[in-house]
Amino acid sequence: MDEKYLRYVRQNKKKIGASIVILVFLIAMGIFILYAIKSEYSPIPLNKKVYVAGDRSGDFNCDGEADQVEINQALKFVAETPGYNTVYLKGPFTYTINSTIYMQSNTILEGDPDAVIKLVDHAGWTNSPMIPLIGKYGDSEITDVIIRGFEIDGNHDNNTDRSKGRGYYNIIYFTSAKNIKVYNMYMHDGHGDGLRINHGKNIQFYNNKIYKLGHDGLYAIECTNVKAWNNTITCRTNSGLRVWNSNHVKFYDNIINSTFDRNAGGPGILIEKTTGVMNDIEIYNNSIHNTFGPGLWLIGYDSSYPKKEAQNIHIHRNTFYSTGTNPSINWVGGIVTSGFYDTLIENNIFDGVYHAAVIHMYPDGKVTDLSPAGTGHTTTVRNNIIVNTQKRTENPDGTGYAVINYLPETHSFVLENNCLYNNSAGNYKNASSTTDFYADPLFVDQKKHNYHLKSNSPCIKAGNSS
């Protein structure tokens, strides 16, 4: 090696060492900043908040009238200002709105549990439906939105100019939406849906309390990757959770029931198909009880479709009790299904449901023809416990069985290793099994709906393990 070069290195080694240290430091800082920008858990405060208040302590301050004006100003600010993405509603204040709150992409609307957005009395948004309390700004796709932590009061009783379930005053409604999260919310007393998404992807709805809305708690239309869990929902007019022509759906760990009045709702969960593919849907670990309609309604109808477009729905480890209380319709029960192929219903508990635990049927006499197209629809029912079924109130004759098939020409059951006991009319109507057994399952405390099995239960290790 050149002696002159070596002499230079010896004379300048401190400077060279310092330069290397500085270079390494700059590289490390670049990597750190890049990570901070990309990471959801950035230690750099890039996602700053602005506060909305009702006592002049916020960045934007409301006076209890037309409060959507200031909230929309705050949302516009965080959408357009680098480093900001969150609007925080301070409590304990009620923010009265007489027009829509508009969300934009990459924004968060959150608040204290005692921060309340409330629809104004006599809002008069009756010129057209589908004008929500919270919607999106503009017509382009909305992405990466979070709504969490506060209360929304739909103020139904002071806005009776429109009927429930007609698209008026939905709580949250987005079209063309992706990466939407709604959680830790309390939504109640509305005319329409809690969260309605039309043409969406990656929708998460969890840890919400939904009470007496005018339509569905969650309604996903032509969506993919929809999850709803840990919600407590009391239906008033329609379903707790509903998907229509949607796929890759999971509903789990929810508690769903109905309030008792003359419009006390339909099914706890509704899975509905007319077009598109629905072959990856899982419903599990839900507690569904005292619903006016069936606990779960699974229905495919309209024009004929290939088997692969409506199959492999998996319903398991749910508890249904006292579902189907509606005295005015006949399509009540635990699970009512038609039009789907290769449905698997397993390891569920049905106690005291009206009509039957599992039924092949569809409602007739509707404006829309709900009859299923095609033949060869098979439902496998295995390892379930079905006890104490009751006759339905509407036309009770011939009801009260464990399993009923009203569509034997196009639909069939495969019944395996179910435990059946004390069903008022018997066990089967247009169905049969060679492996079901008939014994008291010996629940720990059935009256308190503790459906764990006692150690001497005949159901332990009695199911099909496949």
Protein backbone atom coordinates (compact mmCIF):
# COMPACT_ATOMS: atom_id res chain seq x y z
CA MET A 1 0.00 0.00 0.00
CA ASP A 2 1.30 3.52 -0.82
CA GLU A 3 3.37 4.92 2.08
CA LYS A 4 2.07 8.42 1.44
CA TYR A 5 -1.55 7.19 1.82
CA LEU A 6 -0.72 5.35 5.06
CA ARG A 7 0.93 8.45 6.47
CA TYR A 8 -2.21 10.48 5.60
CA VAL A 9 -4.43 7.97 7.39
CA ARG A 10 -2.24 8.02 10.52
CA GLN A 11 -2.24 11.80 10.63
CA ASN A 12 -6.01 12.14 10.06
CA LYS A 13 -7.42 9.08 11.76
CA LYS A 14 -9.39 11.15 14.28
CA LYS A 15 -11.06 13.15 11.52
CA ILE A 16 -11.80 10.01 9.52
CA GLY A 17 -13.23 8.29 12.61
CA ALA A 18 -15.45 11.27 13.37
CA SER A 19 -16.68 11.33 9.77
CA ILE A 20 -17.59 7.65 9.93
CA VAL A 21 -19.48 8.16 13.19
CA ILE A 22 -21.41 11.09 11.70
CA LEU A 23 -22.23 9.05 8.58
CA VAL A 24 -23.52 6.10 10.62
CA PHE A 25 -25.56 8.50 12.76
CA LEU A 26 -27.16 10.12 9.71
CA ILE A 27 -28.02 6.72 8.21
CA ALA A 28 -29.56 5.61 11.51
CA MET A 29 -31.59 8.81 11.76
CA GLY A 30 -32.84 8.35 8.21
CA ILE A 31 -33.96 4.81 8.98
CA PHE A 32 -35.60 5.98 12.22
CA ILE A 33 -37.51 8.80 10.51
CA LEU A 34 -38.65 6.50 7.71
CA TYR A 35 -39.91 3.99 10.29
CA ALA A 36 -41.63 6.74 12.24
CA ILE A 37 -43.48 7.93 9.14
CA LYS A 38 -44.55 4.43 8.13
CA SER A 39 -45.31 3.01 11.56
CA GLU A 40 -48.77 3.08 13.12
CA TYR A 41 -47.03 3.54 16.48
CA SER A 42 -44.78 6.42 15.51
CA PRO A 43 -42.84 7.95 18.44
CA ILE A 44 -42.70 11.21 16.50
CA PRO A 45 -45.87 13.28 17.07
CA LEU A 46 -46.95 13.37 13.41
CA ASN A 47 -50.61 12.59 14.16
CA LYS A 48 -51.57 15.60 16.22
CA LYS A 49 -55.08 16.38 17.44
CA VAL A 50 -57.34 19.36 17.48
CA TYR A 51 -60.02 19.65 20.13
CA VAL A 52 -63.68 20.58 19.82
CA ALA A 53 -65.44 21.74 22.99
CA GLY A 54 -68.60 23.31 24.25
CA ASP A 55 -67.02 25.60 26.87
CA ARG A 56 -64.54 27.56 24.73
CA SER A 57 -61.63 25.38 25.87
CA GLY A 58 -61.09 23.79 22.46
CA ASP A 59 -59.36 24.72 19.24
CA PHE A 60 -62.84 24.84 17.73
CA ASN A 61 -65.76 25.79 19.97
CA CYS A 62 -69.46 25.01 19.65
CA ASP A 63 -72.50 26.74 21.11
CA GLY A 64 -75.11 23.95 20.94
CA GLU A 65 -76.60 25.05 17.62
CA ALA A 66 -75.52 23.80 14.18
CA ASP A 67 -72.43 22.35 15.82
CA GLN A 68 -71.55 20.43 12.66
CA VAL A 69 -70.15 23.73 11.35
CA GLU A 70 -67.27 23.80 13.83
CA ILE A 71 -66.78 20.03 13.70
CA ASN A 72 -66.52 20.18 9.91
CA GLN A 73 -64.06 23.06 10.16
CA ALA A 74 -61.93 20.92 12.48
CA LEU A 75 -62.11 17.89 10.18
CA LYS A 76 -61.17 20.02 7.18
CA PHE A 77 -58.22 21.46 9.09
CA VAL A 78 -56.75 18.06 10.04
CA ALA A 79 -57.33 16.69 6.53
CA GLU A 80 -55.42 19.57 4.96
CA THR A 81 -52.73 20.32 7.54
CA PRO A 82 -49.58 18.13 7.59
CA GLY A 83 -48.94 16.47 10.93
CA TYR A 84 -52.61 16.43 11.98
CA ASN A 85 -55.16 13.67 11.58
CA THR A 86 -57.48 13.64 14.64
CA VAL A 87 -60.48 15.64 15.80
CA TYR A 88 -61.30 15.06 19.46
CA LEU A 89 -64.76 15.87 20.85
CA LYS A 90 -64.51 16.90 24.47
CA GLY A 91 -67.17 15.97 26.99
CA PRO A 92 -69.40 16.40 28.82
CA PHE A 93 -71.05 18.28 25.96
CA THR A 94 -73.87 17.61 23.53
CA TYR A 95 -73.10 18.71 19.99
CA THR A 96 -76.40 19.34 18.21
CA ILE A 97 -76.27 19.03 14.42
CA ASN A 98 -78.73 20.06 11.74
CA SER A 99 -76.64 18.86 8.80
CA THR A 100 -74.10 16.16 8.01
CA ILE A 101 -70.62 15.85 9.52
CA TYR A 102 -68.19 15.13 6.67
CA MET A 103 -65.21 12.81 7.07
CA GLN A 104 -62.22 12.78 4.73
CA SER A 105 -59.59 10.09 4.16
CA ASN A 106 -56.84 9.50 6.71
CA THR A 107 -58.73 11.13 9.55
CA ILE A 108 -59.92 10.12 13.01
CA LEU A 109 -63.01 11.40 14.78
CA GLU A 110 -62.91 10.46 18.45
CA GLY A 111 -64.16 11.75 21.75
CA ASP A 112 -64.91 11.32 25.41
CA PRO A 113 -67.63 8.81 26.32
CA ASP A 114 -69.82 11.72 27.50
CA ALA A 115 -69.36 13.68 24.28
CA VAL A 116 -72.67 13.33 22.39
CA ILE A 117 -73.50 14.13 18.79
CA LYS A 118 -77.28 14.59 18.60
CA LEU A 119 -79.59 15.15 15.67
CA VAL A 120 -81.56 18.37 16.15
CA ASP A 121 -85.30 18.20 16.84
CA HIS A 122 -87.40 18.30 13.65
CA ALA A 123 -84.33 18.14 11.43
CA GLY A 124 -86.38 18.04 8.24
CA TRP A 125 -83.84 16.17 6.09
CA THR A 126 -86.73 14.73 4.11
CA ASN A 127 -85.97 15.87 0.58
CA SER A 128 -84.14 12.61 -0.11
CA PRO A 129 -82.96 9.54 1.83
CA MET A 130 -79.38 8.48 2.52
CA ILE A 131 -78.33 11.77 4.09
CA PRO A 132 -76.45 10.54 7.18
CA LEU A 133 -75.41 12.17 10.42
CA ILE A 134 -71.81 11.29 9.53
CA GLY A 135 -70.85 10.84 5.87
CA LYS A 136 -67.95 11.37 3.52
CA TYR A 137 -66.77 14.54 1.83
CA GLY A 138 -67.06 14.38 -1.97
CA ASP A 139 -67.67 11.46 -4.30
CA SER A 140 -64.22 9.82 -4.44
CA GLU A 141 -63.22 6.76 -2.41
CA ILE A 142 -62.75 7.35 1.30
CA THR A 143 -59.96 5.41 3.03
CA ASP A 144 -58.37 4.94 6.44
CA VAL A 145 -61.05 6.42 8.67
CA ILE A 146 -61.56 5.78 12.38
CA ILE A 147 -64.61 6.79 14.41
CA ARG A 148 -64.39 5.90 18.10
CA GLY A 149 -65.16 6.58 21.69
CA PHE A 150 -68.23 8.83 21.87
CA GLU A 151 -72.05 8.75 21.70
CA ILE A 152 -74.43 9.45 18.83
CA ASP A 153 -78.10 10.11 19.61
CA GLY A 154 -80.34 9.73 16.55
CA ASN A 155 -83.15 11.55 18.40
CA HIS A 156 -85.85 9.44 16.76
CA ASP A 157 -88.75 10.52 18.94
CA ASN A 158 -88.30 14.18 18.03
CA ASN A 159 -88.04 13.41 14.31
CA THR A 160 -91.12 11.37 13.51
CA ASP A 161 -91.74 12.94 10.09
CA ARG A 162 -90.17 9.88 8.46
CA SER A 163 -90.59 6.17 9.10
CA LYS A 164 -87.80 3.98 10.38
CA GLY A 165 -85.82 1.88 7.94
CA ARG A 166 -86.37 4.06 4.86
CA GLY A 167 -82.83 5.40 4.57
CA TYR A 168 -83.33 8.61 6.53
CA TYR A 169 -80.94 9.77 9.24
CA ASN A 170 -78.52 6.83 9.08
CA ILE A 171 -75.91 7.33 11.80
CA ILE A 172 -72.81 6.66 9.63
CA TYR A 173 -72.96 6.01 5.88
CA PHE A 174 -70.07 5.67 3.44
CA THR A 175 -69.96 4.54 -0.17
CA SER A 176 -66.75 3.39 -1.90
CA ALA A 177 -64.91 3.02 1.39
CA LYS A 178 -61.77 1.15 2.45
CA ASN A 179 -60.09 0.57 5.81
CA ILE A 180 -62.93 1.81 8.01
CA LYS A 181 -62.96 1.23 11.78
CA VAL A 182 -65.86 2.08 14.08
CA TYR A 183 -65.44 1.04 17.68
CA ASN A 184 -66.16 1.91 21.31
CA MET A 185 -69.23 3.84 20.19
CA TYR A 186 -72.70 4.15 21.69
CA MET A 187 -75.31 4.68 18.95
CA HIS A 188 -78.98 4.76 19.80
CA ASP A 189 -82.54 5.85 19.03
CA GLY A 190 -82.10 6.31 15.30
CA HIS A 191 -84.19 6.03 12.16
CA GLY A 192 -81.72 4.01 10.11
CA ASP A 193 -78.49 2.04 10.23
CA GLY A 194 -75.67 2.43 12.72
CA LEU A 195 -72.89 1.89 10.18
CA ARG A 196 -73.88 1.42 6.54
CA ILE A 197 -71.18 0.72 3.94
CA ASN A 198 -71.87 0.34 0.23
CA HIS A 199 -68.98 -1.04 -1.85
CA GLY A 200 -66.38 -1.30 0.89
CA LYS A 201 -63.28 -3.24 1.86
CA ASN A 202 -61.66 -3.93 5.21
CA ILE A 203 -64.49 -2.89 7.51
CA GLN A 204 -64.12 -3.37 11.29
CA PHE A 205 -67.01 -2.80 13.71
CA TYR A 206 -66.34 -3.72 17.32
CA ASN A 207 -66.88 -2.97 21.02
CA ASN A 208 -69.96 -0.89 20.19
CA LYS A 209 -73.25 -0.58 22.04
CA ILE A 210 -76.18 -0.31 19.65
CA TYR A 211 -79.66 0.36 21.01
CA LYS A 212 -82.99 0.81 19.24
CA LEU A 213 -81.90 1.96 15.82
CA GLY A 214 -84.37 2.12 12.96
CA HIS A 215 -82.66 -0.41 10.69
CA ASP A 216 -79.49 -2.53 11.00
CA GLY A 217 -76.70 -2.04 13.50
CA LEU A 218 -74.15 -2.81 10.77
CA TYR A 219 -75.20 -3.12 7.12
CA ALA A 220 -72.46 -4.01 4.59
CA ILE A 221 -73.50 -4.07 0.92
CA GLU A 222 -71.18 -5.53 -1.71
CA CYS A 223 -68.22 -5.45 0.65
CA THR A 224 -65.21 -7.67 1.31
CA ASN A 225 -63.30 -8.35 4.51
CA VAL A 226 -65.97 -7.39 7.02
CA LYS A 227 -65.51 -8.13 10.72
CA ALA A 228 -67.83 -7.39 13.63
CA TRP A 229 -67.10 -8.51 17.17
CA ASN A 230 -67.79 -7.73 20.83
CA ASN A 231 -70.83 -5.61 20.01
CA THR A 232 -73.93 -5.47 22.21
CA ILE A 233 -76.96 -4.81 20.02
CA THR A 234 -80.62 -4.38 20.85
CA CYS A 235 -82.64 -4.30 17.63
CA ARG A 236 -85.76 -2.24 17.19
CA THR A 237 -86.71 -2.54 13.53
CA ASN A 238 -84.34 -4.76 11.57
CA SER A 239 -81.16 -6.78 12.16
CA GLY A 240 -78.23 -6.44 14.49
CA LEU A 241 -75.64 -7.39 11.84
CA ARG A 242 -76.32 -7.73 8.12
CA VAL A 243 -74.36 -8.37 4.93
CA TRP A 244 -75.74 -8.40 1.41
CA ASN A 245 -73.70 -9.73 -1.53
CA SER A 246 -70.55 -9.52 0.59
CA ASN A 247 -67.74 -11.98 1.20
CA HIS A 248 -64.89 -12.77 3.61
CA VAL A 249 -67.08 -11.99 6.60
CA LYS A 250 -66.63 -12.85 10.27
CA PHE A 251 -69.24 -12.07 12.96
CA TYR A 252 -68.21 -13.28 16.40
CA ASP A 253 -68.52 -12.67 20.14
CA ASN A 254 -71.56 -10.42 19.76
CA ILE A 255 -74.65 -10.23 21.99
CA ILE A 256 -77.84 -9.52 20.04
CA ASN A 257 -81.46 -9.24 21.16
CA SER A 258 -84.61 -7.23 20.39
CA THR A 259 -86.58 -4.68 22.31
CA PHE A 260 -90.20 -5.57 22.93
CA ASP A 261 -92.59 -3.42 20.94
CA ARG A 262 -94.74 -3.91 17.87
CA ASN A 263 -91.83 -3.06 15.54
CA ALA A 264 -89.22 -5.03 17.42
CA GLY A 265 -87.12 -6.06 14.50
CA GLY A 266 -86.18 -8.97 12.30
CA PRO A 267 -83.31 -11.46 12.66
CA GLY A 268 -80.34 -11.04 14.93
CA ILE A 269 -78.01 -11.66 11.98
CA LEU A 270 -78.96 -11.54 8.29
CA ILE A 271 -76.80 -13.04 5.51
CA GLU A 272 -78.37 -12.21 2.14
CA LYS A 273 -77.38 -13.03 -1.44
CA THR A 274 -78.73 -12.07 -4.84
CA THR A 275 -75.50 -11.71 -6.81
CA GLY A 276 -71.74 -12.00 -6.43
CA VAL A 277 -69.77 -14.57 -4.42
CA MET A 278 -70.56 -15.46 -0.81
CA ASN A 279 -68.47 -18.50 0.09
CA ASP A 280 -66.29 -17.36 2.99
CA ILE A 281 -68.57 -16.38 5.87
CA GLU A 282 -68.15 -17.46 9.48
CA ILE A 283 -70.60 -16.80 12.31
CA TYR A 284 -69.40 -17.96 15.72
CA ASN A 285 -69.43 -17.46 19.51
CA ASN A 286 -72.43 -15.13 19.41
CA SER A 287 -75.22 -15.03 21.98
CA ILE A 288 -78.53 -14.33 20.21
CA HIS A 289 -81.73 -14.25 22.22
CA ASN A 290 -85.28 -12.93 22.35
CA THR A 291 -85.17 -11.68 18.77
CA PHE A 292 -88.48 -10.89 17.07
CA GLY A 293 -87.40 -12.64 13.88
CA PRO A 294 -85.11 -15.68 13.63
CA GLY A 295 -81.83 -15.64 15.45
CA LEU A 296 -80.04 -15.97 12.12
CA TRP A 297 -81.51 -15.68 8.64
CA LEU A 298 -79.46 -17.05 5.74
CA ILE A 299 -81.14 -16.49 2.38
CA GLY A 300 -80.22 -16.62 -1.30
CA TYR A 301 -82.76 -15.69 -3.95
CA ASP A 302 -83.36 -13.92 -7.27
CA SER A 303 -81.84 -15.43 -10.45
CA SER A 304 -80.01 -18.74 -10.59
CA TYR A 305 -76.33 -18.74 -9.61
CA PRO A 306 -73.52 -21.32 -9.58
CA LYS A 307 -73.06 -23.38 -6.44
CA LYS A 308 -69.59 -21.95 -5.81
CA GLU A 309 -71.08 -18.48 -5.39
CA ALA A 310 -73.18 -19.39 -2.34
CA GLN A 311 -71.64 -22.13 -0.24
CA ASN A 312 -69.62 -23.13 2.81
CA ILE A 313 -71.21 -20.78 5.32
CA HIS A 314 -69.93 -21.90 8.73
CA ILE A 315 -72.13 -21.30 11.78
CA HIS A 316 -70.68 -22.64 15.01
CA ARG A 317 -70.48 -22.29 18.80
CA ASN A 318 -73.34 -19.80 19.01
CA THR A 319 -76.09 -19.77 21.63
CA PHE A 320 -79.68 -19.15 20.57
CA TYR A 321 -82.43 -18.89 23.14
CA SER A 322 -86.02 -17.67 22.92
CA THR A 323 -85.52 -16.42 19.36
CA GLY A 324 -88.47 -15.87 17.04
CA THR A 325 -90.98 -14.15 19.32
CA ASN A 326 -92.76 -12.20 16.55
CA PRO A 327 -96.48 -13.05 16.71
CA SER A 328 -97.22 -11.81 13.19
CA ILE A 329 -94.81 -13.71 10.90
CA ASN A 330 -94.21 -17.41 10.30
CA TRP A 331 -90.51 -17.33 9.34
CA VAL A 332 -89.22 -17.32 12.90
CA GLY A 333 -86.90 -19.77 14.62
CA GLY A 334 -83.28 -20.31 15.56
CA ILE A 335 -81.73 -20.44 12.07
CA VAL A 336 -83.89 -20.02 8.95
CA THR A 337 -82.08 -20.79 5.72
CA SER A 338 -82.64 -21.28 1.98
CA GLY A 339 -80.71 -20.88 -1.25
CA PHE A 340 -77.21 -21.73 0.07
CA TYR A 341 -75.13 -24.85 -0.58
CA ASP A 342 -73.05 -26.92 1.84
CA THR A 343 -73.88 -24.87 4.92
CA LEU A 344 -72.33 -26.26 8.11
CA ILE A 345 -74.13 -25.66 11.42
CA GLU A 346 -72.25 -27.25 14.32
CA ASN A 347 -71.64 -27.06 18.06
CA ASN A 348 -74.42 -24.55 18.70
CA ILE A 349 -76.95 -24.51 21.52
CA PHE A 350 -80.65 -23.85 20.88
CA ASP A 351 -82.92 -23.47 23.88
CA GLY A 352 -86.59 -22.56 23.82
CA VAL A 353 -86.59 -21.11 20.32
CA TYR A 354 -89.93 -20.67 18.57
CA HIS A 355 -90.96 -22.76 15.56
CA ALA A 356 -87.78 -24.90 15.26
CA ALA A 357 -84.04 -24.68 15.81
CA VAL A 358 -83.06 -25.05 12.13
CA ILE A 359 -85.52 -24.60 9.26
CA HIS A 360 -85.40 -24.75 5.50
CA MET A 361 -87.90 -22.11 4.39
CA TYR A 362 -88.27 -18.62 2.99
CA PRO A 363 -90.91 -15.95 3.58
CA ASP A 364 -93.63 -15.81 0.95
CA GLY A 365 -96.10 -13.06 0.21
CA LYS A 366 -93.36 -10.42 0.05
CA VAL A 367 -93.10 -7.69 -2.57
CA THR A 368 -89.82 -9.31 -3.67
CA ASP A 369 -89.87 -13.00 -4.59
CA LEU A 370 -87.52 -14.62 -2.07
CA SER A 371 -87.79 -18.17 -3.42
CA PRO A 372 -84.41 -19.86 -3.97
CA ALA A 373 -83.23 -20.84 -7.44
CA GLY A 374 -81.73 -24.23 -8.22
CA THR A 375 -81.69 -27.54 -6.38
CA GLY A 376 -79.28 -29.56 -4.29
CA HIS A 377 -79.08 -27.15 -1.36
CA THR A 378 -77.64 -29.15 1.56
CA THR A 379 -77.28 -28.10 5.18
CA THR A 380 -75.22 -30.21 7.59
CA VAL A 381 -76.34 -29.93 11.21
CA ARG A 382 -74.05 -31.74 13.63
CA ASN A 383 -73.00 -31.75 17.27
CA ASN A 384 -75.67 -29.25 18.28
CA ILE A 385 -77.82 -29.30 21.42
CA ILE A 386 -81.47 -28.54 20.66
CA VAL A 387 -83.89 -28.40 23.59
CA ASN A 388 -87.30 -27.03 24.52
CA THR A 389 -88.40 -25.73 21.11
CA GLN A 390 -91.78 -24.03 21.25
CA LYS A 391 -94.61 -23.59 18.78
CA ARG A 392 -94.54 -20.29 16.96
CA THR A 393 -97.34 -17.83 17.67
CA GLU A 394 -98.42 -17.31 14.04
CA ASN A 395 -100.16 -20.48 12.75
CA PRO A 396 -98.64 -22.73 15.41
CA ASP A 397 -99.94 -26.06 14.06
CA GLY A 398 -97.13 -28.29 12.83
CA THR A 399 -94.39 -26.30 14.55
CA GLY A 400 -92.25 -26.88 17.64
CA TYR A 401 -89.88 -29.48 16.17
CA ALA A 402 -86.11 -29.50 16.46
CA VAL A 403 -85.58 -29.46 12.68
CA ILE A 404 -88.08 -28.68 9.90
CA ASN A 405 -87.65 -28.86 6.13
CA TYR A 406 -90.42 -27.07 4.24
CA LEU A 407 -88.46 -27.36 0.96
CA PRO A 408 -87.78 -31.11 0.57
CA GLU A 409 -87.75 -31.01 -3.23
CA THR A 410 -84.77 -28.63 -3.39
CA HIS A 411 -83.20 -28.67 0.08
CA SER A 412 -81.98 -31.48 2.35
CA PHE A 413 -80.46 -31.91 5.79
CA VAL A 414 -77.58 -34.09 6.95
CA LEU A 415 -78.12 -34.54 10.70
CA GLU A 416 -75.27 -36.01 12.76
CA ASN A 417 -74.76 -36.51 16.49
CA ASN A 418 -77.10 -33.80 17.71
CA CYS A 419 -78.51 -33.98 21.22
CA LEU A 420 -82.30 -33.42 21.16
CA TYR A 421 -84.51 -33.11 24.22
CA ASN A 422 -87.99 -31.95 25.19
CA ASN A 423 -88.92 -30.33 21.89
CA SER A 424 -92.66 -29.65 22.04
CA ALA A 425 -93.74 -31.28 18.76
CA GLY A 426 -90.95 -33.82 18.44
CA ASN A 427 -87.64 -33.87 16.66
CA TYR A 428 -88.04 -33.89 12.87
CA LYS A 429 -90.35 -32.75 10.12
CA ASN A 430 -89.28 -33.87 6.63
CA ALA A 431 -85.87 -34.80 8.04
CA SER A 432 -84.26 -37.75 9.83
CA SER A 433 -81.05 -38.93 11.46
CA THR A 434 -79.45 -42.24 12.39
CA THR A 435 -76.85 -40.74 14.75
CA ASP A 436 -78.70 -38.09 16.78
CA PHE A 437 -79.40 -38.98 20.39
CA TYR A 438 -82.16 -37.99 22.77
CA ALA A 439 -81.27 -37.06 26.35
CA ASP A 440 -81.24 -34.19 28.83
CA PRO A 441 -77.92 -32.44 28.17
CA LEU A 442 -77.60 -31.44 31.85
CA PHE A 443 -76.68 -27.77 31.67
CA VAL A 444 -75.06 -26.17 34.72
CA ASP A 445 -77.87 -23.61 35.14
CA GLN A 446 -80.29 -23.46 32.25
CA LYS A 447 -82.61 -20.90 33.86
CA LYS A 448 -79.75 -18.43 34.06
CA HIS A 449 -78.57 -19.38 30.56
CA ASN A 450 -75.39 -20.99 31.79
CA TYR A 451 -75.08 -23.64 29.09
CA HIS A 452 -71.87 -25.22 30.26
CA LEU A 453 -72.31 -28.96 30.72
CA LYS A 454 -72.22 -30.78 34.01
CA SER A 455 -69.50 -33.37 34.36
CA ASN A 456 -72.02 -36.21 33.91
CA SER A 457 -73.65 -34.78 30.79
CA PRO A 458 -74.35 -37.35 28.06
CA CYS A 459 -73.20 -34.77 25.48
CA ILE A 460 -69.57 -34.81 26.60
CA LYS A 461 -67.46 -36.58 23.97
CA ALA A 462 -70.63 -37.62 22.15
CA GLY A 463 -70.21 -35.43 19.06
CA ASN A 464 -68.72 -36.06 15.67
CA SER A 465 -65.06 -35.06 15.83
CA SER A 466 -64.64 -34.39 12.10
